Amino acid sequence: MNRNTTFNSPFLLGFEHLERLLERTAKSAGDAYPPYNIEDAGGERLRITLAVAGFSREELAVTVEDNQLVIRGKQVESKDKNFLHRGIAARQFQRAFVLADGIEVTGAELEHGLLSIELARPKAESRVRNIDIRTKPNGGA
């Protein structure tokens, strides 16, 4: 039985992975923590800035996994504090961004509770390639 897909046109060959990417991003779209900005940093550069107040550098991880930028944060509970009121909970998060082919993460910086991740995207190039057309000999022999 064939399942109904978004990319079921006979003219879209080999785009099944895009449907999986869309499903994956739809699952994480409802999570609003931590808040973030995406900026055009000029030229062929982008910057993603996440508000990660209260996280130290050691409690954050930035990785690229299969064309996906993944930012994780895990705060360690302090055992030596006795809270009279606890309104700021130690929490963890995972935020993921799907990267187009060729986009590279060039660096990350934590300053004043903001984690900035620098990305470089390649300049779009038009590619034209000629394909040789062979002829088969007549099948007479």
Protein backbone atom coordinates (compact mmCIF):
# COMPACT_ATOMS: atom_id res chain seq x y z
CA MET A 1 0.00 0.00 0.00
CA ASN A 2 1.34 3.43 -0.91
CA ARG A 3 1.14 6.13 1.69
CA ASN A 4 0.10 9.61 0.72
CA THR A 5 3.12 11.91 0.81
CA THR A 6 3.58 15.62 0.40
CA PHE A 7 6.17 15.01 -2.30
CA ASN A 8 4.22 12.52 -4.41
CA SER A 9 4.68 14.29 -7.75
CA PRO A 10 6.48 12.20 -10.38
CA PHE A 11 8.64 15.27 -11.07
CA LEU A 12 10.10 15.33 -7.53
CA LEU A 13 12.57 12.46 -7.57
CA GLY A 14 14.64 11.71 -4.49
CA PHE A 15 12.99 14.27 -2.17
CA GLU A 16 11.71 11.77 0.41
CA HIS A 17 14.28 13.09 2.91
CA LEU A 18 12.61 16.53 2.75
CA GLU A 19 9.37 15.05 4.02
CA ARG A 20 11.23 13.51 6.97
CA LEU A 21 12.85 16.88 7.69
CA LEU A 22 9.46 18.60 7.66
CA GLU A 23 8.03 16.03 10.06
CA ARG A 24 11.00 16.45 12.39
CA THR A 25 10.77 20.25 12.42
CA ALA A 26 7.00 20.17 12.98
CA LYS A 27 7.54 18.10 16.14
CA SER A 28 9.94 20.64 17.64
CA ALA A 29 8.06 23.77 16.50
CA GLY A 30 5.82 23.85 19.59
CA ASP A 31 8.69 24.16 22.07
CA ALA A 32 9.27 27.84 22.85
CA TYR A 33 12.27 27.48 25.19
CA PRO A 34 14.78 28.92 24.87
CA PRO A 35 13.72 31.91 22.77
CA TYR A 36 15.97 32.66 19.80
CA ASN A 37 16.67 35.08 16.95
CA ILE A 38 17.97 34.34 13.47
CA GLU A 39 19.80 37.24 11.83
CA ASP A 40 21.30 37.96 8.45
CA ALA A 41 24.85 38.81 9.55
CA GLY A 42 25.81 40.26 6.18
CA GLY A 43 27.30 38.70 3.13
CA GLU A 44 26.84 34.97 3.19
CA ARG A 45 26.62 34.72 6.99
CA LEU A 46 23.80 33.98 9.44
CA ARG A 47 23.67 34.21 13.23
CA ILE A 48 21.40 32.30 15.59
CA THR A 49 21.19 33.81 19.08
CA LEU A 50 19.56 31.91 21.94
CA ALA A 51 18.65 33.42 25.33
CA VAL A 52 20.28 30.97 27.76
CA ALA A 53 20.49 33.04 30.95
CA GLY A 54 21.72 31.00 33.90
CA PHE A 55 23.61 28.44 31.79
CA SER A 56 27.39 28.24 31.97
CA ARG A 57 29.58 27.28 29.03
CA GLU A 58 30.03 23.80 30.51
CA GLU A 59 26.26 23.26 30.64
CA LEU A 60 25.81 23.93 26.90
CA ALA A 61 26.64 21.81 23.86
CA VAL A 62 26.49 22.76 20.18
CA THR A 63 26.73 19.90 17.65
CA VAL A 64 25.99 19.25 14.00
CA GLU A 65 24.32 15.89 13.42
CA ASP A 66 23.26 14.86 9.91
CA ASN A 67 22.68 18.41 8.58
CA GLN A 68 20.98 19.40 11.81
CA LEU A 69 22.36 21.98 14.24
CA VAL A 70 21.52 20.81 17.75
CA ILE A 71 21.92 23.00 20.84
CA ARG A 72 21.54 21.31 24.22
CA GLY A 73 21.53 22.79 27.67
CA LYS A 74 21.49 20.96 30.97
CA GLN A 75 21.79 22.80 34.27
CA VAL A 76 23.22 21.02 37.25
CA GLU A 77 21.17 21.30 40.46
CA SER A 78 23.09 22.89 43.30
CA LYS A 79 22.91 20.61 46.35
CA ASP A 80 24.39 23.11 48.79
CA LYS A 81 21.60 25.70 48.55
CA ASN A 82 18.55 25.81 50.81
CA PHE A 83 15.76 27.64 48.93
CA LEU A 84 13.00 29.51 50.78
CA HIS A 85 11.30 30.05 47.42
CA ARG A 86 12.28 28.49 44.12
CA GLY A 87 10.98 30.37 41.09
CA ILE A 88 13.95 29.70 38.80
CA ALA A 89 14.04 26.01 38.10
CA ALA A 90 17.11 24.26 36.77
CA ARG A 91 16.00 22.98 33.41
CA GLN A 92 17.27 21.36 30.31
CA PHE A 93 16.50 21.97 26.66
CA GLN A 94 17.26 20.83 23.16
CA ARG A 95 16.75 23.13 20.18
CA ALA A 96 17.40 21.88 16.64
CA PHE A 97 17.69 23.66 13.29
CA VAL A 98 17.85 21.87 9.94
CA LEU A 99 20.76 23.12 7.85
CA ALA A 100 20.74 23.24 4.06
CA ASP A 101 23.54 21.46 2.24
CA GLY A 102 26.71 23.50 2.37
CA ILE A 103 25.86 25.61 5.44
CA GLU A 104 28.69 25.41 7.94
CA VAL A 105 28.83 26.34 11.61
CA THR A 106 31.86 28.59 11.99
CA GLY A 107 31.75 29.33 15.71
CA ALA A 108 29.76 29.86 18.91
CA GLU A 109 30.08 32.43 21.69
CA LEU A 110 28.40 32.85 25.08
CA GLU A 111 28.15 36.41 26.38
CA HIS A 112 25.75 37.98 28.93
CA GLY A 113 23.36 35.01 28.81
CA LEU A 114 23.17 34.96 25.01
CA LEU A 115 24.59 32.07 22.98
CA SER A 116 25.43 33.21 19.43
CA ILE A 117 26.15 30.65 16.75
CA GLU A 118 27.73 31.83 13.50
CA LEU A 119 26.88 30.13 10.22
CA ALA A 120 28.29 30.55 6.72
CA ARG A 121 26.23 29.71 3.70
CA PRO A 122 27.82 29.18 0.33
CA LYS A 123 27.05 31.46 -2.54
CA ALA A 124 24.45 29.88 -4.81
CA GLU A 125 26.01 28.70 -8.03
CA SER A 126 24.21 27.77 -11.19
CA ARG A 127 25.33 24.36 -12.39
CA VAL A 128 24.79 23.11 -15.91
CA ARG A 129 26.05 19.71 -16.94
CA ASN A 130 25.69 18.18 -20.39
CA ILE A 131 24.79 14.50 -20.56
CA ASP A 132 26.10 12.51 -23.52
CA ILE A 133 23.44 10.65 -25.46
CA ARG A 134 24.58 7.27 -26.69
CA THR A 135 23.06 5.39 -29.57
CA LYS A 136 22.66 1.64 -29.59
CA PRO A 137 23.61 -0.24 -32.70
CA ASN A 138 20.67 -1.67 -34.63
CA GLY A 139 19.82 -5.09 -33.24
CA GLY A 140 20.15 -6.87 -36.61
CA ALA A 141 22.97 -9.34 -36.41
